[in-house]
N, C-alpha and C. Protein backbone atom coordinates (compact mmCIF):
# COMPACT_ATOMS: atom_id res chain seq x y z
N MET A 1 15.07 20.54 13.60
CA MET A 1 16.09 20.49 12.77
C MET A 1 16.51 19.01 13.67
N SER A 2 17.10 17.68 12.87
CA SER A 2 18.06 17.14 13.06
C SER A 2 19.56 17.42 14.18
N SER A 3 20.26 16.70 14.53
CA SER A 3 21.64 17.02 14.86
C SER A 3 22.39 16.89 13.86
N ALA A 4 22.21 16.39 12.23
CA ALA A 4 22.75 16.64 11.20
C ALA A 4 23.26 17.02 10.83
N VAL A 5 24.46 17.67 10.47
CA VAL A 5 25.12 18.94 9.69
C VAL A 5 24.69 18.82 8.14
N TYR A 6 23.77 19.45 7.36
CA TYR A 6 23.44 19.10 6.16
C TYR A 6 24.98 19.61 5.13
N SER A 7 25.55 19.49 4.05
CA SER A 7 25.88 19.63 3.06
C SER A 7 25.47 21.18 2.32
N ALA A 8 26.32 22.01 1.67
CA ALA A 8 26.79 23.18 1.47
C ALA A 8 25.60 23.18 0.24
N ALA A 9 25.25 21.95 -0.53
CA ALA A 9 24.75 21.69 -1.97
C ALA A 9 23.35 21.78 -0.77
N VAL A 10 22.93 20.81 0.18
CA VAL A 10 21.52 20.67 0.85
C VAL A 10 21.29 22.09 1.13
N ARG A 11 22.14 22.66 1.75
CA ARG A 11 21.88 24.07 2.32
C ARG A 11 21.26 25.32 1.50
N GLU A 12 22.08 24.92 0.19
CA GLU A 12 21.47 25.83 -0.55
C GLU A 12 20.50 25.45 -1.78
N ARG A 13 19.54 24.28 -1.50
CA ARG A 13 19.10 23.74 -2.46
C ARG A 13 17.29 24.06 -1.25
N CYS A 14 17.64 23.93 -0.02
CA CYS A 14 16.87 24.68 0.54
C CYS A 14 16.74 26.30 0.72
N ARG A 15 17.79 26.79 0.42
CA ARG A 15 17.60 28.73 0.89
C ARG A 15 16.90 28.90 -0.78
N GLU A 16 17.35 28.08 -1.93
CA GLU A 16 16.93 28.45 -3.10
C GLU A 16 16.51 27.23 -4.00
N PRO A 17 15.15 26.19 -3.43
CA PRO A 17 14.53 25.52 -4.15
C PRO A 17 14.57 25.68 -5.63
N ARG A 18 15.25 24.85 -6.32
CA ARG A 18 14.24 24.93 -7.66
C ARG A 18 13.78 23.73 -8.49
N ARG A 19 12.61 24.68 -9.16
CA ARG A 19 11.44 23.48 -9.73
C ARG A 19 10.40 23.79 -8.45
N ALA A 20 10.33 24.00 -7.30
CA ALA A 20 9.26 24.14 -6.42
C ALA A 20 7.73 24.48 -6.98
N GLY A 21 6.93 23.58 -6.73
CA GLY A 21 5.49 24.31 -7.17
C GLY A 21 5.07 23.18 -7.87
N ALA A 22 3.57 23.08 -8.24
CA ALA A 22 2.72 22.54 -8.86
C ALA A 22 1.97 22.69 -10.44
N TRP A 23 1.87 21.49 -11.20
CA TRP A 23 0.73 22.52 -11.62
C TRP A 23 -0.94 21.42 -11.03
N PRO A 24 -1.90 22.18 -12.12
CA PRO A 24 -2.81 21.89 -11.43
C PRO A 24 -3.28 20.67 -11.57
N ASP A 25 -4.33 19.84 -10.90
CA ASP A 25 -4.63 18.18 -11.46
C ASP A 25 -5.03 17.92 -12.66
N GLY A 26 -4.87 17.20 -13.17
CA GLY A 26 -5.45 17.10 -14.34
C GLY A 26 -4.71 17.63 -15.55
N GLU A 27 -3.99 18.39 -15.27
CA GLU A 27 -3.52 19.07 -16.44
C GLU A 27 -2.59 17.97 -17.50
N PRO A 28 -2.81 18.68 -18.78
CA PRO A 28 -2.86 17.73 -20.03
C PRO A 28 -1.19 17.79 -20.34
N GLY A 29 -0.86 16.57 -20.20
CA GLY A 29 0.64 16.34 -20.65
C GLY A 29 1.66 15.95 -19.49
N VAL A 30 1.04 15.93 -18.32
CA VAL A 30 1.53 16.22 -16.92
C VAL A 30 1.40 14.53 -16.14
N GLY A 31 2.33 14.12 -15.54
CA GLY A 31 2.39 13.03 -14.89
C GLY A 31 2.56 13.00 -13.38
N THR A 32 2.09 12.77 -12.90
CA THR A 32 2.06 12.96 -11.27
C THR A 32 2.41 12.11 -10.46
N GLY A 33 3.57 11.64 -9.72
CA GLY A 33 3.68 10.81 -8.80
C GLY A 33 4.12 11.34 -7.06
N SER A 34 4.21 10.46 -6.10
CA SER A 34 4.07 10.94 -5.01
C SER A 34 4.95 9.86 -4.16
N ALA A 35 5.42 9.95 -2.83
CA ALA A 35 6.00 8.74 -1.92
C ALA A 35 6.13 9.26 -0.98
N GLY A 36 5.97 8.30 0.17
CA GLY A 36 6.27 8.93 1.72
C GLY A 36 4.90 8.89 2.21
N SER A 37 4.37 9.46 3.21
CA SER A 37 3.19 9.64 3.48
C SER A 37 3.17 10.71 4.87
N LEU A 38 2.22 11.61 4.57
CA LEU A 38 2.11 12.44 5.59
C LEU A 38 2.43 12.20 7.20
N ASP A 39 1.32 11.01 7.46
CA ASP A 39 1.52 10.42 8.65
C ASP A 39 2.80 9.80 9.29
N ALA A 40 3.60 9.73 8.34
CA ALA A 40 5.19 9.12 8.55
C ALA A 40 6.15 10.46 8.62
N GLY A 41 5.69 11.15 7.90
CA GLY A 41 6.11 12.51 8.37
C GLY A 41 7.08 13.67 7.20
N VAL A 42 7.55 12.35 6.41
CA VAL A 42 7.62 12.89 4.83
C VAL A 42 6.99 12.58 3.77
N TRP A 43 6.51 13.24 2.89
CA TRP A 43 6.10 12.88 1.59
C TRP A 43 6.27 13.90 0.67
N THR A 44 6.92 13.29 -0.89
CA THR A 44 7.60 14.03 -1.64
C THR A 44 6.52 13.89 -3.09
N ARG A 45 6.04 14.69 -3.31
CA ARG A 45 5.29 14.80 -5.18
C ARG A 45 6.39 15.09 -6.09
N LEU A 46 6.43 14.67 -6.89
CA LEU A 46 7.01 15.12 -8.53
C LEU A 46 5.98 15.42 -9.35
N GLN A 47 6.47 15.94 -10.35
CA GLN A 47 5.59 15.96 -11.64
C GLN A 47 6.23 16.37 -12.63
N VAL A 48 5.77 15.69 -13.71
CA VAL A 48 6.95 15.99 -15.02
C VAL A 48 6.06 16.44 -16.15
N ARG A 49 6.48 17.27 -17.12
CA ARG A 49 5.83 17.21 -18.59
C ARG A 49 6.61 16.44 -19.66
N VAL A 50 6.02 16.36 -20.15
CA VAL A 50 6.91 15.19 -21.07
C VAL A 50 6.69 15.98 -22.68
N GLY A 51 7.64 16.47 -23.61
CA GLY A 51 7.47 16.91 -24.95
C GLY A 51 7.03 16.04 -25.96
N ALA A 52 6.78 16.37 -26.96
CA ALA A 52 6.01 15.55 -28.45
C ALA A 52 7.80 15.24 -28.45
N ASP A 53 9.17 15.26 -28.25
CA ASP A 53 9.84 14.40 -28.72
C ASP A 53 10.23 13.24 -27.40
N GLY A 54 9.30 12.99 -26.15
CA GLY A 54 9.41 11.97 -25.57
C GLY A 54 10.42 12.23 -24.63
N ARG A 55 10.87 13.34 -24.24
CA ARG A 55 11.81 13.69 -23.76
C ARG A 55 10.97 14.89 -21.83
N ILE A 56 11.63 14.58 -21.12
CA ILE A 56 10.79 15.59 -19.90
C ILE A 56 11.41 17.07 -20.39
N ASP A 57 10.20 18.06 -20.49
CA ASP A 57 10.93 19.15 -21.06
C ASP A 57 10.63 19.99 -19.21
N ASP A 58 9.71 19.42 -18.26
CA ASP A 58 9.80 20.63 -17.33
C ASP A 58 9.45 19.49 -16.00
N ALA A 59 9.47 19.80 -14.78
CA ALA A 59 9.55 18.94 -13.25
C ALA A 59 9.18 20.08 -12.61
N ARG A 60 8.47 19.41 -11.25
CA ARG A 60 8.09 20.55 -10.51
C ARG A 60 7.92 19.43 -9.34
N PHE A 61 7.92 19.82 -8.16
CA PHE A 61 7.76 19.13 -7.02
C PHE A 61 7.21 20.17 -5.38
N LYS A 62 6.89 19.17 -4.65
CA LYS A 62 6.19 19.86 -3.49
C LYS A 62 6.78 18.73 -2.31
N VAL A 63 7.19 19.41 -1.02
CA VAL A 63 7.32 18.32 -0.08
C VAL A 63 7.01 18.92 1.12
N PHE A 64 6.76 17.71 1.90
CA PHE A 64 6.63 17.46 3.46
C PHE A 64 7.72 17.47 4.02
N GLY A 65 8.57 17.72 4.58
CA GLY A 65 9.54 17.07 5.50
C GLY A 65 10.76 17.96 5.82
N CYS A 66 12.13 17.11 5.39
CA CYS A 66 12.85 17.92 6.58
C CYS A 66 13.90 18.58 5.15
N SER A 67 15.06 19.60 5.47
CA SER A 67 16.04 19.62 4.51
C SER A 67 16.44 18.64 3.34
N ALA A 68 16.32 17.42 3.84
CA ALA A 68 17.36 16.41 3.11
C ALA A 68 16.56 16.39 1.98
N ALA A 69 14.71 16.10 2.84
CA ALA A 69 14.09 15.70 1.38
C ALA A 69 13.56 17.17 0.50
N ILE A 70 13.48 17.98 0.95
CA ILE A 70 13.48 19.41 0.23
C ILE A 70 14.63 19.13 -0.70
N ALA A 71 15.71 19.52 -0.46
CA ALA A 71 16.84 19.07 -1.71
C ALA A 71 16.30 18.01 -2.33
N SER A 72 16.53 16.57 -2.03
CA SER A 72 16.62 16.03 -3.06
C SER A 72 15.10 16.00 -3.40
N ALA A 73 14.41 16.59 -3.18
CA ALA A 73 12.67 16.26 -4.52
C ALA A 73 12.95 17.75 -5.66
N SER A 74 14.24 18.75 -5.11
CA SER A 74 14.52 19.76 -5.94
C SER A 74 15.86 19.08 -6.68
N PHE A 75 16.73 18.56 -6.25
CA PHE A 75 17.47 17.75 -7.44
C PHE A 75 16.90 17.04 -8.57
N ALA A 76 15.93 15.96 -8.45
CA ALA A 76 15.54 15.08 -8.72
C ALA A 76 14.88 15.88 -9.75
N ALA A 77 13.99 16.75 -9.38
CA ALA A 77 13.41 17.70 -10.54
C ALA A 77 14.12 18.22 -11.52
N ASP A 78 15.27 18.59 -11.52
CA ASP A 78 16.50 19.35 -11.84
C ASP A 78 16.98 18.14 -13.05
N ALA A 79 16.92 16.79 -12.23
CA ALA A 79 18.09 15.88 -12.69
C ALA A 79 16.82 15.52 -13.88
N LEU A 80 15.61 15.32 -14.10
CA LEU A 80 14.67 15.14 -14.82
C LEU A 80 14.53 15.96 -16.35
N ILE A 81 15.13 16.88 -16.01
CA ILE A 81 14.98 18.03 -17.63
C ILE A 81 15.83 17.74 -18.45
N GLY A 82 15.10 17.10 -19.56
CA GLY A 82 15.84 16.60 -20.78
C GLY A 82 16.28 15.48 -20.74
N ALA A 83 15.70 14.40 -19.60
CA ALA A 83 15.79 13.15 -20.00
C ALA A 83 14.43 12.37 -20.78
N THR A 84 15.12 10.90 -21.01
CA THR A 84 14.12 10.20 -21.63
C THR A 84 13.19 9.47 -20.49
N LEU A 85 12.29 9.14 -20.40
CA LEU A 85 11.78 8.14 -19.27
C LEU A 85 12.13 7.09 -19.04
N ALA A 86 12.76 6.53 -19.89
CA ALA A 86 13.91 5.55 -19.30
C ALA A 86 15.12 6.13 -18.35
N GLU A 87 15.95 7.09 -18.43
CA GLU A 87 16.39 7.57 -17.94
C GLU A 87 15.85 8.57 -16.73
N ALA A 88 14.94 8.71 -16.83
CA ALA A 88 14.00 9.51 -15.29
C ALA A 88 13.74 7.72 -14.53
N ARG A 89 13.37 6.84 -15.10
CA ARG A 89 13.42 5.81 -14.01
C ARG A 89 14.74 5.58 -13.42
N ALA A 90 16.08 5.56 -14.61
CA ALA A 90 17.16 5.18 -14.09
C ALA A 90 18.09 5.88 -12.97
N LEU A 91 17.27 7.03 -12.56
CA LEU A 91 17.76 7.87 -11.43
C LEU A 91 17.82 6.96 -10.41
N ALA A 92 18.79 6.84 -9.60
CA ALA A 92 19.04 6.09 -8.50
C ALA A 92 19.44 7.16 -6.92
N PRO A 93 18.86 6.20 -5.78
CA PRO A 93 18.93 7.41 -4.82
C PRO A 93 20.24 7.42 -4.60
N GLU A 94 20.74 7.04 -4.92
CA GLU A 94 22.54 6.78 -4.86
C GLU A 94 22.86 8.04 -4.97
N ASP A 95 22.16 8.14 -6.70
CA ASP A 95 22.99 9.42 -7.29
C ASP A 95 22.83 10.99 -6.65
N VAL A 96 21.51 10.30 -6.31
CA VAL A 96 20.63 11.84 -5.72
C VAL A 96 21.46 11.95 -4.33
N ALA A 97 21.71 11.10 -3.63
CA ALA A 97 22.91 11.09 -1.90
C ALA A 97 23.87 11.25 -2.38
N VAL A 98 24.48 11.01 -3.10
CA VAL A 98 26.05 11.22 -3.60
C VAL A 98 26.13 12.77 -3.68
N ALA A 99 25.18 13.18 -4.61
CA ALA A 99 25.10 14.85 -5.27
C ALA A 99 25.50 15.51 -4.12
N LEU A 100 24.23 15.33 -3.16
CA LEU A 100 24.19 16.32 -1.91
C LEU A 100 24.84 15.68 -1.09
N GLY A 101 25.30 15.15 -0.74
CA GLY A 101 26.17 15.04 0.44
C GLY A 101 25.33 14.32 1.61
N LEU A 102 24.30 13.65 1.08
CA LEU A 102 23.30 13.14 1.90
C LEU A 102 24.13 12.13 2.90
N SER A 103 24.24 12.18 4.63
CA SER A 103 24.36 11.49 5.81
C SER A 103 23.87 9.75 5.48
N GLY A 104 24.04 8.97 5.90
CA GLY A 104 23.54 7.73 5.79
C GLY A 104 21.85 7.69 6.67
N ASP A 105 21.81 8.27 7.63
CA ASP A 105 20.57 8.53 8.08
C ASP A 105 19.09 9.56 7.43
N LYS A 106 19.72 9.68 6.02
CA LYS A 106 18.88 10.98 5.37
C LYS A 106 18.83 10.79 4.28
N GLN A 107 19.56 9.10 3.29
CA GLN A 107 19.46 8.97 2.12
C GLN A 107 18.03 8.58 2.16
N ALA A 108 16.93 7.94 2.74
CA ALA A 108 15.84 7.68 2.78
C ALA A 108 15.38 8.51 1.65
N MET A 109 15.57 9.81 1.98
CA MET A 109 14.86 11.21 1.64
C MET A 109 15.03 11.22 -0.23
N ALA A 110 16.47 10.72 -0.50
CA ALA A 110 16.79 10.55 -2.09
C ALA A 110 15.89 9.57 -2.74
N ALA A 111 16.05 8.51 -2.00
CA ALA A 111 14.65 7.30 -2.55
C ALA A 111 13.34 7.46 -2.62
N LEU A 112 12.78 8.39 -1.42
CA LEU A 112 11.86 9.36 -1.71
C LEU A 112 11.39 10.13 -3.24
N ALA A 113 12.59 10.47 -3.23
CA ALA A 113 12.41 11.33 -4.61
C ALA A 113 12.74 10.37 -5.93
N THR A 114 13.57 9.66 -5.79
CA THR A 114 13.59 9.13 -7.07
C THR A 114 12.26 8.41 -7.30
N GLU A 115 11.19 7.55 -5.84
CA GLU A 115 10.37 7.16 -6.25
C GLU A 115 9.23 7.64 -6.93
N ALA A 116 9.38 8.95 -6.10
CA ALA A 116 8.15 9.43 -6.89
C ALA A 116 8.21 9.88 -8.14
N ALA A 117 9.87 10.13 -8.86
CA ALA A 117 10.07 10.25 -10.56
C ALA A 117 9.36 9.38 -11.16
N CYS A 118 9.89 7.86 -10.37
CA CYS A 118 9.17 7.34 -11.31
C CYS A 118 7.61 6.67 -11.27
N ASN A 119 7.06 7.04 -10.35
CA ASN A 119 5.98 6.76 -10.72
C ASN A 119 5.16 8.37 -11.09
N ALA A 120 5.91 9.30 -11.02
CA ALA A 120 5.68 10.17 -12.25
C ALA A 120 5.12 10.00 -13.66
N VAL A 121 6.28 9.29 -13.91
CA VAL A 121 6.16 8.79 -15.14
C VAL A 121 5.83 7.85 -15.67
N ASP A 122 5.19 6.71 -14.49
CA ASP A 122 4.34 5.85 -14.97
C ASP A 122 3.17 6.61 -14.76
N ASP A 123 2.86 7.31 -14.04
CA ASP A 123 1.32 8.24 -14.31
C ASP A 123 1.25 8.77 -15.84
N TRP A 124 2.31 9.45 -16.35
CA TRP A 124 2.05 10.07 -17.64
C TRP A 124 1.85 9.09 -18.75
N GLU A 125 2.59 7.79 -18.38
CA GLU A 125 2.53 6.82 -19.61
C GLU A 125 0.91 6.38 -19.10
N ARG A 126 0.56 7.03 -18.29
CA ARG A 126 -0.75 5.71 -18.02
C ARG A 126 -2.18 6.96 -18.43
N ARG A 127 -1.85 7.80 -18.20
CA ARG A 127 -2.61 9.01 -18.64
C ARG A 127 -2.48 9.24 -20.34
N THR A 128 -1.61 8.76 -20.93
CA THR A 128 -1.63 9.21 -22.41
C THR A 128 -1.68 7.91 -23.32
N GLY A 129 -1.60 6.56 -22.22
CA GLY A 129 -1.58 5.59 -22.96
C GLY A 129 -0.68 4.85 -23.84
N THR A 130 0.47 5.63 -23.44
CA THR A 130 2.21 4.65 -23.59
C THR A 130 2.87 3.68 -22.93
N GLY A 131 3.47 3.27 -22.85
CA GLY A 131 4.52 2.16 -22.46
C GLY A 131 3.72 1.54 -22.34
N ASP A 132 3.87 -0.08 -21.70
CA ASP A 132 2.95 -1.43 -21.29
C ASP A 132 2.02 -1.29 -20.34
N TRP A 133 1.09 -0.19 -21.01
CA TRP A 133 -0.14 0.17 -19.71
C TRP A 133 -1.08 -0.40 -20.78
N GLY A 134 -1.42 -1.87 -20.41
CA GLY A 134 -2.63 -2.45 -21.77
C GLY A 134 -3.86 -2.17 -21.19
N PRO A 135 -4.70 -2.68 -22.14
CA PRO A 135 -6.05 -2.49 -21.69
C PRO A 135 -6.40 -3.25 -20.45
N GLY A 136 -6.86 -2.77 -18.97
CA GLY A 136 -7.29 -3.70 -18.25
C GLY A 136 -6.45 -2.76 -17.06
N ILE A 137 -5.27 -2.56 -17.29
CA ILE A 137 -4.31 -2.15 -16.48
C ILE A 137 -4.45 -1.09 -15.90
N GLY A 138 -4.46 -0.46 -14.74
CA GLY A 138 -4.77 0.86 -14.23
C GLY A 138 -4.06 0.84 -13.51
N HIS A 139 -3.39 1.98 -13.03
CA HIS A 139 -2.41 2.40 -11.75
C HIS A 139 -2.76 3.45 -10.97
N SER A 140 -2.60 3.88 -9.66
CA SER A 140 -2.58 5.30 -9.44
C SER A 140 -1.44 6.10 -9.50
N ALA A 141 -1.71 7.11 -9.25
CA ALA A 141 -0.39 8.06 -9.23
C ALA A 141 0.86 7.86 -8.11
N ASP A 142 0.83 6.93 -7.09
CA ASP A 142 1.62 5.98 -6.26
C ASP A 142 2.11 4.65 -7.12
N GLY A 143 1.75 4.50 -8.33
CA GLY A 143 2.47 3.53 -9.09
C GLY A 143 1.31 1.93 -9.28
N LYS A 144 0.65 1.71 -7.79
CA LYS A 144 0.01 0.69 -7.28
C LYS A 144 -1.12 0.34 -8.32
N ALA A 145 -1.04 -0.72 -8.74
CA ALA A 145 -1.97 -1.47 -9.81
C ALA A 145 -3.41 -1.45 -8.60
N LEU A 146 -4.42 -0.99 -9.95
CA LEU A 146 -5.79 -1.08 -9.45
C LEU A 146 -6.64 -1.61 -10.57
N SER A 147 -7.66 -2.65 -9.55
CA SER A 147 -8.37 -3.05 -10.45
C SER A 147 -7.73 -4.81 -10.68
N GLY A 148 -6.69 -5.02 -9.89
CA GLY A 148 -6.39 -6.07 -10.07
C GLY A 148 -4.95 -6.39 -11.04
N GLY A 149 -4.96 -4.88 -11.72
CA GLY A 149 -3.95 -5.42 -12.76
C GLY A 149 -2.24 -5.41 -12.19
N THR A 150 -1.71 -5.75 -13.65
CA THR A 150 -0.08 -6.23 -13.01
C THR A 150 0.71 -5.32 -14.35
N ARG A 151 1.57 -4.68 -13.83
CA ARG A 151 2.40 -3.91 -14.71
C ARG A 151 3.50 -4.68 -15.23
């Protein structure tokens, strides 16, 4: 652990992470997004399940990284419950960082969590053929265009 002193909110989310876990690959109705890399030492994956009403009815996360990364992913997964897809995309790293009291050097962990959340929404839209994923446009789970497509 670094010399950073974590807030009570970060410590609590590490002791009792909410929404930790994962659905199996290809689970119907689930979108998966990730950010970061194992090579860089921090990797976050968020999954969302969207209900018939178009709102996220459940979310899960997995993280390889520090306490701030775990807390950020847990907070983001909680924040997504009940959100529309637009609201999920609007979750800002600053919102996560402020809520958790992250220091400047740990705010990048909040950015990874929100990037993974956006990528999960994109993946759900791609899998269900909703949103603006037109013919011939494909994206990987990390939101990168495949086959030269653009969003």
